[in-house]
Amino acid sequence: MPVAMKLAVISLVFCYHVAGQRGLGVNYAKDGIDYAKDGVDYAKDGSYGYVPPSLVPTLHSLEQKTEKTISVTCCDKKRAVSKGQCGNGIKCEGICEKETEHEHAIIILSNSTSKNWCDITSGSTGVLPQWSGSHGIFNIPLNFINWCTWSVTHSSQISTYPVCCLHPYVYNNVEGVARVCCAEFGLCF
């Protein structure tokens, strides 16, 4: 293969890799999260993501279709007030009392169990918006999908675990997953 052609292929691979890392509405801000209107935004360190109100119904639908139990922690300000499970045919919406369908949710991508996720994602750090508004104080669900990276290693597995379409590593790095997520679930980022 001529040198010029090799350089062209390397450039294309590099561009694809860089563009692929920016999928799913990812906007890494210097100080945390930069909000995209129609996508999930991830913390700079990649440990969690902010699901905007426009995607919460999609999140709930994908969770119910996922053939795995998903742990949910309900946060009121900086503390956990309850825990629940959904997925495997069980609806996720309404797990947290005072939760409204049109508010945001958080997906936890990290495997760290030692962190106080309610405190980290409370909005008091300036990374996320404060969780009070016209509905008063309400509970925010933290949906743990850290298991996606070892559960979806091939695009054929995404139909079993569709909530993993919202995991940036799976979406951007497992060959064919982005295509399946787009075609089957309308998640075309």
N, C-alpha and C. Protein backbone atom coordinates (compact mmCIF):
# COMPACT_ATOMS: atom_id res chain seq x y z
N MET A 1 0.85 -1.17 0.00
CA MET A 1 0.00 0.00 0.00
C MET A 1 0.90 1.23 0.00
N PRO A 2 0.63 2.19 -0.88
CA PRO A 2 1.44 3.41 -0.94
C PRO A 2 1.37 4.20 0.38
N VAL A 3 2.44 4.91 0.67
CA VAL A 3 2.54 5.70 1.90
C VAL A 3 1.40 6.70 2.01
N ALA A 4 1.05 7.37 0.93
CA ALA A 4 -0.04 8.36 0.96
C ALA A 4 -1.35 7.71 1.36
N MET A 5 -1.60 6.51 0.86
CA MET A 5 -2.84 5.81 1.20
C MET A 5 -2.84 5.39 2.67
N LYS A 6 -1.68 4.93 3.19
CA LYS A 6 -1.57 4.57 4.59
C LYS A 6 -1.85 5.77 5.48
N LEU A 7 -1.30 6.93 5.12
CA LEU A 7 -1.54 8.15 5.89
C LEU A 7 -3.01 8.54 5.86
N ALA A 8 -3.65 8.36 4.73
CA ALA A 8 -5.08 8.69 4.62
C ALA A 8 -5.91 7.78 5.52
N VAL A 9 -5.57 6.49 5.53
CA VAL A 9 -6.30 5.53 6.38
C VAL A 9 -6.08 5.86 7.85
N ILE A 10 -4.84 6.15 8.22
CA ILE A 10 -4.55 6.52 9.62
C ILE A 10 -5.32 7.77 10.00
N SER A 11 -5.38 8.77 9.13
CA SER A 11 -6.13 10.01 9.41
C SER A 11 -7.61 9.73 9.58
N LEU A 12 -8.16 8.88 8.74
CA LEU A 12 -9.59 8.53 8.86
C LEU A 12 -9.88 7.80 10.16
N VAL A 13 -9.00 6.86 10.53
CA VAL A 13 -9.19 6.13 11.78
C VAL A 13 -9.12 7.09 12.95
N PHE A 14 -8.15 7.99 12.94
CA PHE A 14 -8.03 8.97 14.01
C PHE A 14 -9.27 9.84 14.11
N CYS A 15 -9.75 10.36 12.99
CA CYS A 15 -10.95 11.21 12.97
C CYS A 15 -12.16 10.44 13.46
N TYR A 16 -12.30 9.19 13.03
CA TYR A 16 -13.43 8.37 13.47
C TYR A 16 -13.37 8.16 14.97
N HIS A 17 -12.15 7.86 15.49
CA HIS A 17 -12.00 7.62 16.93
C HIS A 17 -12.34 8.88 17.72
N VAL A 18 -11.83 10.02 17.32
CA VAL A 18 -12.11 11.27 18.03
C VAL A 18 -13.58 11.62 17.93
N ALA A 19 -14.18 11.52 16.76
CA ALA A 19 -15.61 11.83 16.60
C ALA A 19 -16.45 10.85 17.39
N GLY A 20 -16.05 9.58 17.42
CA GLY A 20 -16.80 8.57 18.15
C GLY A 20 -16.85 8.83 19.63
N GLN A 21 -15.80 9.44 20.17
CA GLN A 21 -15.78 9.73 21.60
C GLN A 21 -16.71 10.89 21.96
N ARG A 22 -17.19 11.62 20.97
CA ARG A 22 -18.05 12.76 21.23
C ARG A 22 -19.52 12.42 21.05
N GLY A 23 -19.86 11.16 20.85
CA GLY A 23 -21.25 10.75 20.65
C GLY A 23 -22.10 10.90 21.89
N LEU A 24 -23.37 10.63 21.78
CA LEU A 24 -24.32 10.66 22.88
C LEU A 24 -24.45 12.03 23.53
N GLY A 25 -24.26 13.07 22.76
CA GLY A 25 -24.42 14.41 23.34
C GLY A 25 -23.36 14.72 24.37
N VAL A 26 -22.23 14.06 24.30
CA VAL A 26 -21.19 14.27 25.29
C VAL A 26 -20.55 15.63 25.06
N ASN A 27 -20.57 16.44 26.07
CA ASN A 27 -19.92 17.74 26.05
C ASN A 27 -19.15 17.86 27.34
N TYR A 28 -17.87 17.54 27.32
CA TYR A 28 -17.08 17.63 28.53
C TYR A 28 -16.70 19.07 28.79
N ALA A 29 -17.13 19.59 29.90
CA ALA A 29 -16.80 20.96 30.28
C ALA A 29 -15.60 20.94 31.20
N LYS A 30 -14.93 22.07 31.32
CA LYS A 30 -13.77 22.13 32.20
C LYS A 30 -14.14 21.86 33.65
N ASP A 31 -15.29 22.32 34.08
CA ASP A 31 -15.68 22.21 35.48
C ASP A 31 -16.78 21.20 35.72
N GLY A 32 -17.05 20.30 34.81
CA GLY A 32 -18.08 19.31 35.05
C GLY A 32 -18.86 19.00 33.81
N ILE A 33 -20.13 19.36 33.80
CA ILE A 33 -21.00 19.00 32.70
C ILE A 33 -21.43 20.22 31.92
N ASP A 34 -21.48 20.07 30.62
CA ASP A 34 -21.99 21.08 29.72
C ASP A 34 -23.24 20.45 29.12
N TYR A 35 -24.39 21.04 29.24
CA TYR A 35 -25.64 20.37 28.90
C TYR A 35 -25.98 20.40 27.43
N ALA A 36 -26.24 19.23 26.87
CA ALA A 36 -26.74 19.12 25.50
C ALA A 36 -28.25 19.01 25.59
N LYS A 37 -28.93 19.53 24.61
CA LYS A 37 -30.38 19.56 24.65
C LYS A 37 -31.00 18.18 24.49
N ASP A 38 -30.46 17.37 23.59
CA ASP A 38 -31.09 16.10 23.26
C ASP A 38 -30.25 14.89 23.57
N GLY A 39 -29.19 15.01 24.32
CA GLY A 39 -28.35 13.87 24.62
C GLY A 39 -28.03 13.79 26.09
N VAL A 40 -27.42 12.68 26.46
CA VAL A 40 -26.96 12.50 27.83
C VAL A 40 -25.62 13.21 27.95
N ASP A 41 -25.44 13.94 29.01
CA ASP A 41 -24.18 14.63 29.25
C ASP A 41 -23.46 13.93 30.40
N TYR A 42 -22.17 13.73 30.23
CA TYR A 42 -21.38 12.96 31.18
C TYR A 42 -20.42 13.85 31.93
N ALA A 43 -20.21 13.54 33.20
CA ALA A 43 -19.23 14.26 34.01
C ALA A 43 -17.86 14.12 33.37
N LYS A 44 -17.04 15.10 33.58
CA LYS A 44 -15.71 15.12 32.98
C LYS A 44 -14.93 13.85 33.29
N ASP A 45 -15.11 13.31 34.50
CA ASP A 45 -14.37 12.10 34.87
C ASP A 45 -15.06 10.82 34.38
N GLY A 46 -16.22 10.96 33.72
CA GLY A 46 -16.90 9.80 33.14
C GLY A 46 -17.61 8.91 34.15
N SER A 47 -17.77 9.37 35.38
CA SER A 47 -18.36 8.51 36.42
C SER A 47 -19.88 8.49 36.42
N TYR A 48 -20.51 9.52 35.87
CA TYR A 48 -21.97 9.56 35.82
C TYR A 48 -22.43 10.46 34.68
N GLY A 49 -23.71 10.36 34.36
CA GLY A 49 -24.28 11.16 33.29
C GLY A 49 -25.61 11.76 33.69
N TYR A 50 -25.89 12.91 33.14
CA TYR A 50 -27.14 13.65 33.36
C TYR A 50 -28.08 13.32 32.21
N VAL A 51 -29.24 12.76 32.53
CA VAL A 51 -30.25 12.44 31.52
C VAL A 51 -31.28 13.58 31.55
N PRO A 52 -31.38 14.36 30.48
CA PRO A 52 -32.29 15.51 30.48
C PRO A 52 -33.75 15.05 30.45
N PRO A 53 -34.66 15.93 30.84
CA PRO A 53 -36.09 15.57 30.86
C PRO A 53 -36.59 14.96 29.55
N SER A 54 -36.07 15.41 28.42
CA SER A 54 -36.54 14.90 27.14
C SER A 54 -36.21 13.42 26.93
N LEU A 55 -35.20 12.91 27.63
CA LEU A 55 -34.81 11.51 27.47
C LEU A 55 -35.24 10.59 28.61
N VAL A 56 -35.82 11.14 29.68
CA VAL A 56 -36.22 10.31 30.81
C VAL A 56 -37.24 9.24 30.41
N PRO A 57 -38.27 9.54 29.61
CA PRO A 57 -39.19 8.46 29.19
C PRO A 57 -38.47 7.36 28.40
N THR A 58 -37.50 7.74 27.58
CA THR A 58 -36.71 6.75 26.82
C THR A 58 -35.89 5.90 27.78
N LEU A 59 -35.26 6.53 28.77
CA LEU A 59 -34.49 5.81 29.79
C LEU A 59 -35.37 4.77 30.46
N HIS A 60 -36.56 5.19 30.89
CA HIS A 60 -37.48 4.26 31.57
C HIS A 60 -37.88 3.10 30.68
N SER A 61 -38.15 3.37 29.43
CA SER A 61 -38.53 2.33 28.47
C SER A 61 -37.40 1.32 28.27
N LEU A 62 -36.17 1.83 28.09
CA LEU A 62 -35.02 0.95 27.90
C LEU A 62 -34.74 0.12 29.14
N GLU A 63 -34.92 0.71 30.31
CA GLU A 63 -34.70 -0.03 31.56
C GLU A 63 -35.68 -1.19 31.70
N GLN A 64 -36.94 -0.93 31.39
CA GLN A 64 -37.96 -1.98 31.52
C GLN A 64 -37.67 -3.13 30.55
N LYS A 65 -37.16 -2.82 29.35
CA LYS A 65 -36.85 -3.84 28.34
C LYS A 65 -35.56 -4.60 28.64
N THR A 66 -34.72 -4.05 29.49
CA THR A 66 -33.42 -4.67 29.80
C THR A 66 -33.64 -5.92 30.62
N GLU A 67 -33.00 -7.01 30.21
CA GLU A 67 -33.16 -8.31 30.87
C GLU A 67 -32.16 -8.46 32.01
N LYS A 68 -32.13 -7.49 32.87
CA LYS A 68 -31.26 -7.48 34.04
C LYS A 68 -31.87 -6.54 35.06
N THR A 69 -31.68 -6.85 36.32
CA THR A 69 -32.17 -5.97 37.38
C THR A 69 -31.24 -4.77 37.50
N ILE A 70 -31.85 -3.60 37.55
CA ILE A 70 -31.11 -2.34 37.65
C ILE A 70 -31.36 -1.75 39.03
N SER A 71 -30.29 -1.43 39.73
CA SER A 71 -30.41 -0.81 41.05
C SER A 71 -30.65 0.68 40.90
N VAL A 72 -31.56 1.18 41.72
CA VAL A 72 -31.89 2.61 41.70
C VAL A 72 -31.81 3.13 43.13
N THR A 73 -31.11 4.21 43.32
CA THR A 73 -31.07 4.90 44.60
C THR A 73 -31.82 6.21 44.45
N CYS A 74 -32.70 6.50 45.38
CA CYS A 74 -33.48 7.73 45.33
C CYS A 74 -32.84 8.76 46.26
N CYS A 75 -32.51 9.91 45.71
CA CYS A 75 -31.82 10.95 46.47
C CYS A 75 -32.75 12.13 46.71
N ASP A 76 -32.73 12.63 47.92
CA ASP A 76 -33.40 13.87 48.26
C ASP A 76 -32.28 14.78 48.77
N LYS A 77 -31.95 15.76 47.96
CA LYS A 77 -30.81 16.62 48.22
C LYS A 77 -29.55 15.76 48.23
N LYS A 78 -28.82 15.72 49.33
CA LYS A 78 -27.53 15.02 49.35
C LYS A 78 -27.59 13.63 49.99
N ARG A 79 -28.77 13.13 50.29
CA ARG A 79 -28.83 11.84 50.98
C ARG A 79 -29.76 10.86 50.28
N ALA A 80 -29.43 9.59 50.42
CA ALA A 80 -30.28 8.54 49.87
C ALA A 80 -31.48 8.36 50.79
N VAL A 81 -32.67 8.37 50.22
CA VAL A 81 -33.88 8.20 51.04
C VAL A 81 -34.52 6.83 50.83
N SER A 82 -34.22 6.19 49.72
CA SER A 82 -34.73 4.84 49.49
C SER A 82 -33.98 4.22 48.33
N LYS A 83 -34.16 2.91 48.19
CA LYS A 83 -33.54 2.18 47.08
C LYS A 83 -34.59 1.27 46.49
N GLY A 84 -34.41 0.96 45.22
CA GLY A 84 -35.35 0.07 44.55
C GLY A 84 -34.65 -0.63 43.40
N GLN A 85 -35.43 -1.45 42.72
CA GLN A 85 -34.91 -2.15 41.56
C GLN A 85 -35.95 -2.15 40.47
N CYS A 86 -35.47 -2.18 39.24
CA CYS A 86 -36.37 -2.24 38.10
C CYS A 86 -35.64 -2.98 36.99
N GLY A 87 -36.19 -2.95 35.82
CA GLY A 87 -35.63 -3.72 34.72
C GLY A 87 -36.22 -5.11 34.73
N ASN A 88 -35.87 -5.94 33.75
CA ASN A 88 -36.40 -7.29 33.69
C ASN A 88 -37.93 -7.28 33.66
N GLY A 89 -38.50 -6.31 32.93
CA GLY A 89 -39.95 -6.20 32.82
C GLY A 89 -40.62 -5.34 33.87
N ILE A 90 -39.87 -4.90 34.86
CA ILE A 90 -40.43 -4.07 35.94
C ILE A 90 -40.18 -2.60 35.59
N LYS A 91 -41.24 -1.79 35.67
CA LYS A 91 -41.13 -0.37 35.35
C LYS A 91 -40.23 0.35 36.34
N CYS A 92 -39.48 1.31 35.83
CA CYS A 92 -38.60 2.13 36.67
C CYS A 92 -39.25 3.44 37.08
N GLU A 93 -40.14 3.93 36.25
CA GLU A 93 -40.76 5.21 36.58
C GLU A 93 -41.58 5.08 37.86
N GLY A 94 -41.42 6.08 38.72
CA GLY A 94 -42.17 6.10 39.97
C GLY A 94 -41.52 5.36 41.11
N ILE A 95 -40.33 4.80 40.91
CA ILE A 95 -39.65 4.10 42.01
C ILE A 95 -39.37 5.07 43.16
N CYS A 96 -38.98 6.28 42.81
CA CYS A 96 -38.69 7.28 43.84
C CYS A 96 -39.94 8.10 44.11
N GLU A 97 -40.33 8.19 45.37
CA GLU A 97 -41.48 9.02 45.73
C GLU A 97 -41.21 10.45 45.32
N LYS A 98 -42.24 11.17 44.98
CA LYS A 98 -42.15 12.57 44.57
C LYS A 98 -41.36 12.76 43.29
N GLU A 99 -41.04 11.66 42.61
CA GLU A 99 -40.33 11.75 41.33
C GLU A 99 -41.34 12.16 40.27
N THR A 100 -40.96 13.04 39.40
CA THR A 100 -41.85 13.39 38.30
C THR A 100 -41.21 12.93 37.01
N GLU A 101 -42.01 12.45 36.09
CA GLU A 101 -41.51 11.89 34.84
C GLU A 101 -40.75 12.91 34.00
N HIS A 102 -41.06 14.17 34.19
CA HIS A 102 -40.47 15.19 33.33
C HIS A 102 -39.24 15.85 33.92
N GLU A 103 -38.72 15.31 35.02
CA GLU A 103 -37.48 15.83 35.59
C GLU A 103 -36.33 14.96 35.12
N HIS A 104 -35.13 15.38 35.38
CA HIS A 104 -33.98 14.62 34.91
C HIS A 104 -33.69 13.40 35.78
N ALA A 105 -32.80 12.58 35.32
CA ALA A 105 -32.32 11.41 36.06
C ALA A 105 -30.80 11.38 35.91
N ILE A 106 -30.17 10.56 36.71
CA ILE A 106 -28.73 10.39 36.68
C ILE A 106 -28.43 8.92 36.41
N ILE A 107 -27.47 8.65 35.53
CA ILE A 107 -27.00 7.27 35.35
C ILE A 107 -25.58 7.20 35.89
N ILE A 108 -25.34 6.20 36.73
CA ILE A 108 -24.04 6.00 37.34
C ILE A 108 -23.27 4.99 36.50
N LEU A 109 -22.09 5.38 36.04
CA LEU A 109 -21.27 4.55 35.17
C LEU A 109 -20.09 3.93 35.91
N SER A 110 -19.73 4.48 37.04
CA SER A 110 -18.56 4.06 37.79
C SER A 110 -18.84 2.79 38.59
N ASN A 111 -17.81 2.02 38.83
CA ASN A 111 -17.92 0.83 39.68
C ASN A 111 -17.69 1.15 41.15
N SER A 112 -17.39 2.40 41.47
CA SER A 112 -17.07 2.77 42.84
C SER A 112 -18.31 2.66 43.73
N THR A 113 -18.17 1.89 44.79
CA THR A 113 -19.27 1.77 45.75
C THR A 113 -19.00 2.60 47.00
N SER A 114 -17.81 3.17 47.07
CA SER A 114 -17.46 3.93 48.27
C SER A 114 -17.90 5.39 48.19
N LYS A 115 -18.33 5.82 47.03
CA LYS A 115 -18.72 7.23 46.87
C LYS A 115 -20.16 7.45 47.34
N ASN A 116 -20.41 8.64 47.87
CA ASN A 116 -21.77 9.05 48.20
C ASN A 116 -22.34 9.71 46.95
N TRP A 117 -22.97 8.91 46.09
CA TRP A 117 -23.44 9.41 44.81
C TRP A 117 -24.50 10.49 44.96
N CYS A 118 -25.32 10.43 46.01
CA CYS A 118 -26.33 11.47 46.21
C CYS A 118 -25.66 12.82 46.44
N ASP A 119 -24.59 12.83 47.22
CA ASP A 119 -23.87 14.06 47.49
C ASP A 119 -23.16 14.56 46.22
N ILE A 120 -22.49 13.66 45.52
CA ILE A 120 -21.74 14.03 44.32
C ILE A 120 -22.66 14.60 43.24
N THR A 121 -23.84 14.03 43.08
CA THR A 121 -24.74 14.45 42.01
C THR A 121 -25.85 15.37 42.50
N SER A 122 -25.70 15.95 43.68
CA SER A 122 -26.77 16.74 44.29
C SER A 122 -27.02 18.09 43.64
N GLY A 123 -26.12 18.56 42.86
CA GLY A 123 -26.29 19.89 42.27
C GLY A 123 -25.61 20.95 43.10
N SER A 124 -25.22 20.62 44.32
CA SER A 124 -24.57 21.61 45.17
C SER A 124 -23.12 21.86 44.76
N THR A 125 -22.58 20.97 43.94
CA THR A 125 -21.19 21.13 43.51
C THR A 125 -21.07 22.07 42.33
N GLY A 126 -22.20 22.49 41.77
CA GLY A 126 -22.17 23.35 40.60
C GLY A 126 -22.10 22.57 39.30
N VAL A 127 -22.03 21.24 39.38
CA VAL A 127 -21.96 20.41 38.19
C VAL A 127 -23.35 20.18 37.61
N LEU A 128 -24.33 19.99 38.46
CA LEU A 128 -25.70 19.75 38.02
C LEU A 128 -26.61 20.85 38.55
N PRO A 129 -27.77 21.04 37.90
CA PRO A 129 -28.70 22.05 38.40
C PRO A 129 -29.27 21.63 39.75
N GLN A 130 -29.66 22.61 40.55
CA GLN A 130 -30.30 22.31 41.83
C GLN A 130 -31.60 21.55 41.57
N TRP A 131 -31.93 20.62 42.44
CA TRP A 131 -33.09 19.77 42.21
C TRP A 131 -34.35 20.28 42.90
N SER A 132 -34.64 21.53 42.72
CA SER A 132 -35.92 22.04 43.17
C SER A 132 -36.41 22.98 42.09
N GLY A 133 -37.68 23.12 42.02
CA GLY A 133 -38.23 23.97 40.98
C GLY A 133 -39.71 24.14 41.21
N SER A 134 -40.46 24.17 40.12
CA SER A 134 -41.88 24.42 40.23
C SER A 134 -42.60 23.30 40.98
N HIS A 135 -41.99 22.12 41.04
CA HIS A 135 -42.61 21.00 41.74
C HIS A 135 -42.16 20.92 43.19
N GLY A 136 -41.34 21.86 43.65
CA GLY A 136 -40.80 21.80 45.00
C GLY A 136 -39.62 20.83 45.02
N ILE A 137 -39.26 20.38 46.20
CA ILE A 137 -38.16 19.43 46.33
C ILE A 137 -38.68 18.06 45.92
N PHE A 138 -37.93 17.36 45.10
CA PHE A 138 -38.36 16.04 44.67
C PHE A 138 -37.17 15.09 44.67
N ASN A 139 -37.45 13.81 44.57
CA ASN A 139 -36.42 12.80 44.59
C ASN A 139 -35.90 12.54 43.19
N ILE A 140 -34.60 12.37 43.08
CA ILE A 140 -33.96 12.09 41.80
C ILE A 140 -33.46 10.65 41.82
N PRO A 141 -33.82 9.88 40.79
CA PRO A 141 -33.32 8.51 40.72
C PRO A 141 -31.89 8.45 40.18
N LEU A 142 -31.05 7.67 40.85
CA LEU A 142 -29.72 7.36 40.36
C LEU A 142 -29.78 5.93 39.83
N ASN A 143 -29.62 5.75 38.55
CA ASN A 143 -29.74 4.45 37.90
C ASN A 143 -28.34 3.89 37.64
N PHE A 144 -28.03 2.76 38.24
CA PHE A 144 -26.69 2.19 38.15
C PHE A 144 -26.59 1.27 36.94
N ILE A 145 -25.81 1.70 35.93
CA ILE A 145 -25.61 0.88 34.73
C ILE A 145 -24.12 0.62 34.49
N ASN A 146 -23.36 0.58 35.57
CA ASN A 146 -21.92 0.34 35.47
C ASN A 146 -21.59 -1.06 34.94
N TRP A 147 -22.51 -1.97 35.00
CA TRP A 147 -22.33 -3.35 34.55
C TRP A 147 -22.34 -3.47 33.02
N CYS A 148 -22.74 -2.44 32.31
CA CYS A 148 -22.87 -2.50 30.85
C CYS A 148 -21.57 -2.88 30.14
N THR A 149 -20.44 -2.41 30.63
CA THR A 149 -19.18 -2.63 29.91
C THR A 149 -18.81 -4.11 29.85
N TRP A 150 -19.18 -4.89 30.83
CA TRP A 150 -18.86 -6.32 30.75
C TRP A 150 -20.05 -7.16 30.28
N SER A 151 -21.23 -6.58 30.22
CA SER A 151 -22.41 -7.31 29.74
C SER A 151 -22.60 -7.19 28.23
N VAL A 152 -22.15 -6.09 27.65
CA VAL A 152 -22.32 -5.87 26.21
C VAL A 152 -20.93 -5.78 25.58
N THR A 153 -20.50 -6.90 25.03
CA THR A 153 -19.20 -6.95 24.36
C THR A 153 -19.36 -7.20 22.86
N HIS A 154 -20.61 -7.39 22.44
CA HIS A 154 -20.93 -7.62 21.02
C HIS A 154 -22.27 -6.96 20.74
N SER A 155 -22.44 -6.44 19.55
CA SER A 155 -23.68 -5.71 19.22
C SER A 155 -24.94 -6.57 19.36
N SER A 156 -24.83 -7.88 19.24
CA SER A 156 -26.00 -8.75 19.38
C SER A 156 -26.56 -8.74 20.81
N GLN A 157 -25.76 -8.31 21.78
CA GLN A 157 -26.19 -8.29 23.18
C GLN A 157 -26.97 -7.03 23.55
N ILE A 158 -26.93 -6.00 22.72
CA ILE A 158 -27.58 -4.74 23.08
C ILE A 158 -29.10 -4.88 23.13
N SER A 159 -29.67 -5.79 22.37
CA SER A 159 -31.12 -6.02 22.42
C SER A 159 -31.54 -6.63 23.75
N THR A 160 -30.63 -7.34 24.41
CA THR A 160 -30.91 -7.90 25.73
C THR A 160 -30.75 -6.84 26.81
N TYR A 161 -29.84 -5.91 26.60
CA TYR A 161 -29.54 -4.85 27.57
C TYR A 161 -29.64 -3.48 26.91
N PRO A 162 -30.82 -3.09 26.42
CA PRO A 162 -30.91 -1.83 25.66
C PRO A 162 -30.57 -0.57 26.44
N VAL A 163 -30.68 -0.59 27.77
CA VAL A 163 -30.33 0.61 28.54
C VAL A 163 -28.84 0.93 28.36
N CYS A 164 -28.06 -0.06 27.95
CA CYS A 164 -26.62 0.16 27.73
C CYS A 164 -26.35 1.03 26.51
N CYS A 165 -27.38 1.33 25.71
CA CYS A 165 -27.22 2.32 24.63
C CYS A 165 -26.84 3.68 25.20
N LEU A 166 -27.17 3.92 26.47
CA LEU A 166 -26.86 5.20 27.11
C LEU A 166 -25.50 5.20 27.80
N HIS A 167 -24.79 4.08 27.74
CA HIS A 167 -23.44 4.02 28.31
C HIS A 167 -22.45 4.44 27.22
N PRO A 168 -21.70 5.52 27.41
CA PRO A 168 -20.85 6.03 26.33
C PRO A 168 -19.78 5.06 25.85
N TYR A 169 -19.22 4.26 26.75
CA TYR A 169 -18.20 3.32 26.31
C TYR A 169 -18.80 2.27 25.38
N VAL A 170 -19.94 1.72 25.78
CA VAL A 170 -20.60 0.69 24.97
C VAL A 170 -21.02 1.27 23.63
N TYR A 171 -21.67 2.43 23.66
CA TYR A 171 -22.18 3.05 22.44
C TYR A 171 -21.05 3.36 21.45
N ASN A 172 -19.95 3.88 21.96
CA ASN A 172 -18.87 4.35 21.10
C ASN A 172 -17.81 3.30 20.76
N ASN A 173 -17.71 2.24 21.54
CA ASN A 173 -16.59 1.32 21.36
C ASN A 173 -16.94 -0.12 21.02
N VAL A 174 -18.17 -0.54 21.24
CA VAL A 174 -18.54 -1.90 20.87
C VAL A 174 -19.08 -1.85 19.44
N GLU A 175 -18.37 -2.50 18.54
CA GLU A 175 -18.68 -2.43 17.12
C GLU A 175 -20.14 -2.80 16.83
N GLY A 176 -20.83 -1.93 16.12
CA GLY A 176 -22.21 -2.17 15.68
C GLY A 176 -23.28 -1.72 16.67
N VAL A 177 -22.90 -1.41 17.91
CA VAL A 177 -23.90 -1.02 18.92
C VAL A 177 -24.59 0.29 18.54
N ALA A 178 -23.85 1.28 18.09
CA ALA A 178 -24.46 2.56 17.72
C ALA A 178 -25.51 2.36 16.63
N ARG A 179 -25.21 1.51 15.67
CA ARG A 179 -26.15 1.23 14.57
C ARG A 179 -27.42 0.57 15.10
N VAL A 180 -27.27 -0.42 16.00
CA VAL A 180 -28.43 -1.11 16.56
C VAL A 180 -29.24 -0.17 17.44
N CYS A 181 -28.57 0.63 18.26
CA CYS A 181 -29.27 1.57 19.14
C CYS A 181 -30.07 2.57 18.32
N CYS A 182 -29.52 2.98 17.20
CA CYS A 182 -30.21 3.93 16.33
C CYS A 182 -31.40 3.25 15.65
N ALA A 183 -31.17 2.09 15.04
CA ALA A 183 -32.22 1.41 14.27
C ALA A 183 -33.35 0.87 15.14
N GLU A 184 -33.02 0.26 16.27
CA GLU A 184 -34.03 -0.39 17.11
C GLU A 184 -34.67 0.53 18.16
N PHE A 185 -33.89 1.49 18.66
CA PHE A 185 -34.37 2.30 19.79
C PHE A 185 -34.41 3.80 19.51
N GLY A 186 -34.03 4.21 18.31
CA GLY A 186 -34.10 5.62 17.93
C GLY A 186 -33.05 6.49 18.59
N LEU A 187 -32.01 5.88 19.15
CA LEU A 187 -30.95 6.64 19.80
C LEU A 187 -29.82 6.83 18.80
N CYS A 188 -29.95 7.85 17.99
CA CYS A 188 -28.99 8.15 16.93
C CYS A 188 -28.25 9.42 17.29
N PHE A 189 -27.08 9.28 17.86
CA PHE A 189 -26.32 10.44 18.32
C PHE A 189 -25.12 10.67 17.45
